């Protein structure tokens, strides 16, 4: 009972901190929470304009601009959630270093809150996309698999952020390195292109990129009306679980040493 009540208390704490983070983030903004939708929408427009309008990327012979736009949207939404969660989560613990000396406050919820805030922007854009697909009759029952992908994405991201937020306290250049790494990872992920457009000699790059599976999984269930391959889901789930467990153990091990590093 003690463990269940603690988990419930932490869940409420995470929700409260997420709401507070959103209020602080958009404080003084006239558009407020509307930026959760506007920011991804503007990013999608920039991608479509650059790759579809200027570079003339052609993913298939009979694809029109709408089809390419939907392809980019479904690839960009999980990327937005992941990149924002990692970038904000890496700096989250250092930003709340005044709480580190407290032995009562559970510092492990700070990175989780950053991930929740990042994924909320992705969810807002995804809901808009789902509504559009429903209106045009292109929504499939495979959408029921969507919560599974979100949970696996959150587990992978939280594990990574637990690790990076600790490293960022010890090595303050970590945030800058993460920003550069995310920029490189963006181009190595099939956001504006599809895996079959990648040369065979570079296919191993996508195979080693967990986000490639995540992006293709979103496209499968949202656009193509099919479920991702079960073996791929199993591998990704195992990798996400391993990242979550390892990241949490690393964070809790260094939790006692972090106050001496600030």
Protein backbone atom coordinates (compact mmCIF):
# COMPACT_ATOMS: atom_id res chain seq x y z
CA UNK A 1 0.00 0.00 0.00
CA UNK A 2 2.87 2.36 0.76
CA UNK A 3 4.36 1.87 -2.70
CA UNK A 4 1.01 2.41 -4.41
CA UNK A 5 0.29 5.59 -2.45
CA UNK A 6 3.80 6.89 -3.22
CA UNK A 7 3.36 6.22 -6.92
CA UNK A 8 -0.03 7.96 -6.86
CA UNK A 9 1.45 10.92 -4.99
CA UNK A 10 4.27 11.21 -7.52
CA UNK A 11 1.80 11.02 -10.40
CA UNK A 12 -0.17 13.94 -8.98
CA UNK A 13 3.08 15.81 -8.36
CA UNK A 14 4.19 15.27 -11.97
CA UNK A 15 0.84 16.53 -13.27
CA UNK A 16 1.04 19.60 -11.05
CA UNK A 17 4.63 20.36 -12.06
CA UNK A 18 3.76 19.87 -15.75
CA UNK A 19 0.88 22.33 -15.48
CA UNK A 20 3.12 24.79 -13.63
CA UNK A 21 5.85 24.42 -16.26
CA UNK A 22 3.36 25.21 -19.02
CA UNK A 23 2.06 28.27 -17.19
CA UNK A 24 5.60 29.60 -16.65
CA UNK A 25 6.62 28.78 -20.21
CA UNK A 26 3.77 30.74 -21.78
CA UNK A 27 3.49 33.45 -19.12
CA UNK A 28 3.01 36.85 -20.74
CA UNK A 29 2.27 35.31 -24.14
CA UNK A 30 -0.93 36.53 -25.77
CA UNK A 31 -1.45 33.25 -27.60
CA UNK A 32 -0.65 31.14 -24.55
CA UNK A 33 -1.21 27.41 -24.97
CA UNK A 34 -2.04 27.93 -28.64
CA UNK A 35 1.73 27.79 -29.21
CA UNK A 36 1.54 24.06 -28.47
CA UNK A 37 -0.18 23.74 -31.86
CA UNK A 38 1.32 26.74 -33.68
CA UNK A 39 4.95 25.76 -33.08
CA UNK A 40 4.63 22.26 -34.61
CA UNK A 41 2.47 23.66 -37.44
CA UNK A 42 5.08 26.27 -38.38
CA UNK A 43 7.85 23.65 -38.23
CA UNK A 44 5.86 21.36 -40.54
CA UNK A 45 5.28 24.22 -43.00
CA UNK A 46 8.99 24.99 -43.04
CA UNK A 47 9.84 21.33 -43.71
CA UNK A 48 7.30 20.96 -46.50
CA UNK A 49 8.41 24.24 -48.10
CA UNK A 50 12.11 23.31 -47.95
CA UNK A 51 12.01 19.66 -48.96
CA UNK A 52 8.84 19.60 -51.03
CA UNK A 53 8.85 23.06 -52.58
CA UNK A 54 12.53 24.02 -52.91
CA UNK A 55 14.44 20.73 -52.97
CA UNK A 56 11.57 18.93 -54.77
CA UNK A 57 11.93 15.72 -52.78
CA UNK A 58 9.83 13.01 -54.45
CA UNK A 59 9.04 10.05 -52.24
CA UNK A 60 6.95 8.27 -54.87
CA UNK A 61 5.90 8.76 -58.48
CA UNK A 62 2.22 9.51 -57.78
CA UNK A 63 2.55 11.46 -54.50
CA UNK A 64 1.04 14.94 -54.51
CA UNK A 65 1.88 17.77 -52.12
CA UNK A 66 -0.86 16.76 -49.69
CA UNK A 67 0.45 13.19 -49.46
CA UNK A 68 3.99 14.43 -48.95
CA UNK A 69 2.80 16.94 -46.36
CA UNK A 70 1.06 14.19 -44.37
CA UNK A 71 4.20 12.06 -44.63
CA UNK A 72 6.27 14.90 -43.18
CA UNK A 73 3.73 15.65 -40.44
CA UNK A 74 3.61 12.07 -39.17
CA UNK A 75 7.40 11.93 -39.17
CA UNK A 76 7.88 15.32 -37.58
CA UNK A 77 5.42 15.00 -34.70
CA UNK A 78 7.28 12.23 -32.79
CA UNK A 79 10.54 14.01 -33.53
CA UNK A 80 9.20 17.24 -32.00
CA UNK A 81 8.11 15.39 -28.87
CA UNK A 82 11.41 13.56 -28.53
CA UNK A 83 13.76 16.47 -29.28
CA UNK A 84 11.98 18.95 -27.04
CA UNK A 85 11.79 16.44 -24.21
CA UNK A 86 15.49 15.61 -24.44
CA UNK A 87 16.68 19.21 -24.79
CA UNK A 88 14.53 20.51 -21.93
CA UNK A 89 15.01 17.41 -19.81
CA UNK A 90 18.80 17.51 -20.02
CA UNK A 91 18.85 20.95 -18.37
CA UNK A 92 15.90 20.35 -16.04
CA UNK A 93 17.73 19.07 -12.96
CA UNK A 94 20.42 21.74 -13.12
CA UNK A 95 17.71 24.40 -13.44
CA UNK A 96 16.18 23.11 -10.18
CA UNK A 97 19.48 22.66 -8.36
CA UNK A 98 18.08 24.48 -5.31
CA UNK A 99 15.95 21.37 -4.66
CA UNK A 100 18.88 18.95 -4.74
CA UNK A 101 19.81 19.48 -1.11
CA UNK A 102 16.33 18.41 -0.06
CA UNK A 103 16.16 14.79 1.00
CA UNK A 104 12.37 14.83 0.87
CA UNK A 105 11.67 16.08 -2.64
CA UNK A 106 11.88 13.29 -5.28
CA UNK A 107 14.28 14.80 -7.82
CA UNK A 108 13.60 11.98 -10.28
CA UNK A 109 10.24 13.56 -11.14
CA UNK A 110 11.90 16.72 -12.55
CA UNK A 111 13.14 15.03 -15.77
CA UNK A 112 9.82 13.18 -16.07
CA UNK A 113 8.00 16.52 -15.93
CA UNK A 114 10.17 17.88 -18.75
CA UNK A 115 9.34 14.83 -20.88
CA UNK A 116 5.62 15.22 -20.18
CA UNK A 117 5.76 18.87 -21.24
CA UNK A 118 7.58 17.97 -24.46
CA UNK A 119 5.18 15.17 -25.36
CA UNK A 120 2.15 17.42 -24.78
CA UNK A 121 3.14 19.50 -27.81
CA UNK A 122 3.36 16.34 -29.88
CA UNK A 123 -0.04 15.15 -28.62
CA UNK A 124 -1.68 18.47 -29.49
CA UNK A 125 -0.41 18.23 -33.07
CA UNK A 126 -1.30 14.54 -33.31
CA UNK A 127 -4.87 15.18 -32.19
CA UNK A 128 -5.23 17.82 -34.91
CA UNK A 129 -3.86 15.34 -37.46
CA UNK A 130 -6.22 12.59 -36.30
CA UNK A 131 -9.19 14.95 -36.56
CA UNK A 132 -8.17 15.84 -40.12
CA UNK A 133 -7.78 12.18 -41.10
CA UNK A 134 -11.18 11.41 -39.58
CA UNK A 135 -12.88 14.23 -41.49
CA UNK A 136 -11.46 13.01 -44.81
CA UNK A 137 -12.26 9.39 -44.01
CA UNK A 138 -8.63 8.25 -43.90
CA UNK A 139 -8.54 7.16 -40.28
CA UNK A 140 -8.07 3.44 -39.62
CA UNK A 141 -8.68 1.28 -36.56
CA UNK A 142 -4.91 0.90 -36.28
CA UNK A 143 -5.08 4.23 -34.41
CA UNK A 144 -5.88 2.08 -31.36
CA UNK A 145 -2.18 1.12 -31.33
CA UNK A 146 -1.23 4.79 -30.86
CA UNK A 147 -1.11 4.67 -27.01
CA UNK A 148 1.40 1.82 -27.20
CA UNK A 149 3.81 3.91 -29.27
CA UNK A 150 3.37 6.93 -26.98
CA UNK A 151 4.13 4.85 -23.87
CA UNK A 152 7.22 3.29 -25.46
CA UNK A 153 8.41 6.68 -26.69
CA UNK A 154 7.93 8.18 -23.21
CA UNK A 155 9.78 5.28 -21.55
CA UNK A 156 12.73 5.59 -23.92
CA UNK A 157 12.87 9.37 -23.58
CA UNK A 158 12.60 9.39 -19.78
CA UNK A 159 15.41 6.87 -19.46
CA UNK A 160 17.64 8.93 -21.72
CA UNK A 161 16.78 12.17 -19.92
CA UNK A 162 17.45 10.66 -16.48
CA UNK A 163 20.95 9.82 -17.70
CA UNK A 164 21.66 13.09 -19.52
CA UNK A 165 20.34 15.33 -16.73
CA UNK A 166 22.87 13.79 -14.32
CA UNK A 167 25.74 14.05 -16.79
CA UNK A 168 24.81 17.69 -17.41
CA UNK A 169 25.44 18.52 -13.75
CA UNK A 170 28.89 16.96 -13.81
CA UNK A 171 29.82 18.20 -17.30
CA UNK A 172 28.10 21.51 -18.05
CA UNK A 173 28.82 21.24 -21.81
CA UNK A 174 26.35 18.38 -22.09
CA UNK A 175 23.41 20.62 -23.05
CA UNK A 176 25.34 22.11 -25.97
CA UNK A 177 26.49 18.67 -27.10
CA UNK A 178 22.93 17.37 -26.89
CA UNK A 179 21.69 20.26 -29.06
CA UNK A 180 24.26 19.42 -31.74
CA UNK A 181 23.49 15.72 -31.44
CA UNK A 182 19.77 16.35 -31.91
CA UNK A 183 20.46 18.44 -35.00
CA UNK A 184 22.49 15.59 -36.50
CA UNK A 185 19.90 13.02 -35.46
CA UNK A 186 17.16 15.05 -37.17
CA UNK A 187 18.79 14.56 -40.57
CA UNK A 188 19.55 10.91 -39.83
CA UNK A 189 15.88 10.23 -39.10
CA UNK A 190 13.40 9.55 -41.93
CA UNK A 191 11.31 12.69 -41.39
CA UNK A 192 11.33 14.28 -44.85
CA UNK A 193 12.12 11.02 -46.65
CA UNK A 194 11.31 7.33 -46.41
CA UNK A 195 13.69 4.45 -45.55
CA UNK A 196 13.52 3.05 -49.08
CA UNK A 197 15.13 6.27 -50.35
CA UNK A 198 18.26 5.61 -48.27
CA UNK A 199 21.17 3.92 -50.14
CA UNK A 200 21.70 0.30 -49.16
CA UNK A 201 25.20 1.00 -47.90
CA UNK A 202 23.74 3.48 -45.38
CA UNK A 203 20.77 1.37 -44.30
CA UNK A 204 22.58 0.43 -41.09
CA UNK A 205 22.26 4.06 -39.94
CA UNK A 206 18.47 3.82 -39.85
CA UNK A 207 18.64 0.33 -38.36
CA UNK A 208 20.65 1.73 -35.43
CA UNK A 209 18.33 4.71 -34.97
CA UNK A 210 15.39 3.96 -32.60
CA UNK A 211 13.58 7.04 -33.86
CA UNK A 212 13.45 5.54 -37.34
CA UNK A 213 11.22 2.75 -36.02
CA UNK A 214 9.13 5.24 -34.05
CA UNK A 215 8.56 7.49 -37.07
CA UNK A 216 7.69 4.59 -39.35
CA UNK A 217 5.40 3.22 -36.66
CA UNK A 218 3.45 6.46 -36.54
CA UNK A 219 3.17 6.47 -40.33
CA UNK A 220 1.96 2.88 -40.37
CA UNK A 221 -0.87 3.36 -37.89
CA UNK A 222 -1.90 6.87 -38.94
CA UNK A 223 -1.43 6.97 -42.72
CA UNK A 224 -1.13 3.45 -44.05
CA UNK A 225 -3.67 1.68 -41.84
CA UNK A 226 -1.38 -1.15 -40.80
CA UNK A 227 0.31 -2.27 -37.62
CA UNK A 228 4.12 -2.14 -37.26
CA UNK A 229 5.92 -5.46 -37.51
CA UNK A 230 5.58 -7.29 -34.19
CA UNK A 231 9.26 -8.26 -34.08
CA UNK A 232 10.24 -4.60 -34.52
CA UNK A 233 7.80 -3.58 -31.78
CA UNK A 234 9.29 -6.20 -29.48
CA UNK A 235 12.86 -5.03 -30.11
CA UNK A 236 11.92 -1.39 -29.61
CA UNK A 237 9.95 -2.20 -26.44
CA UNK A 238 12.91 -4.10 -25.03
CA UNK A 239 15.26 -1.25 -25.88
CA UNK A 240 12.90 1.32 -24.32
CA UNK A 241 12.50 -0.76 -21.14
CA UNK A 242 16.27 -1.20 -20.87
CA UNK A 243 16.81 2.56 -21.33
CA UNK A 244 14.18 3.34 -18.69
CA UNK A 245 15.56 0.93 -16.10
CA UNK A 246 19.21 1.83 -16.71
CA UNK A 247 18.49 5.56 -16.71
CA UNK A 248 16.54 5.36 -13.45
CA UNK A 249 19.21 3.28 -11.70
CA UNK A 250 21.92 5.68 -12.86
CA UNK A 251 19.94 8.70 -11.66
CA UNK A 252 19.17 7.22 -8.24
CA UNK A 253 22.79 6.12 -7.80
CA UNK A 254 24.08 9.63 -8.48
CA UNK A 255 21.21 11.31 -6.61
CA UNK A 256 23.23 11.45 -3.39
CA UNK A 257 26.32 12.85 -5.12
CA UNK A 258 24.62 15.56 -7.19
CA UNK A 259 24.33 18.18 -4.41
CA UNK A 260 28.13 18.24 -4.12
CA UNK A 261 28.47 18.94 -7.87
CA UNK A 262 26.46 22.17 -8.00
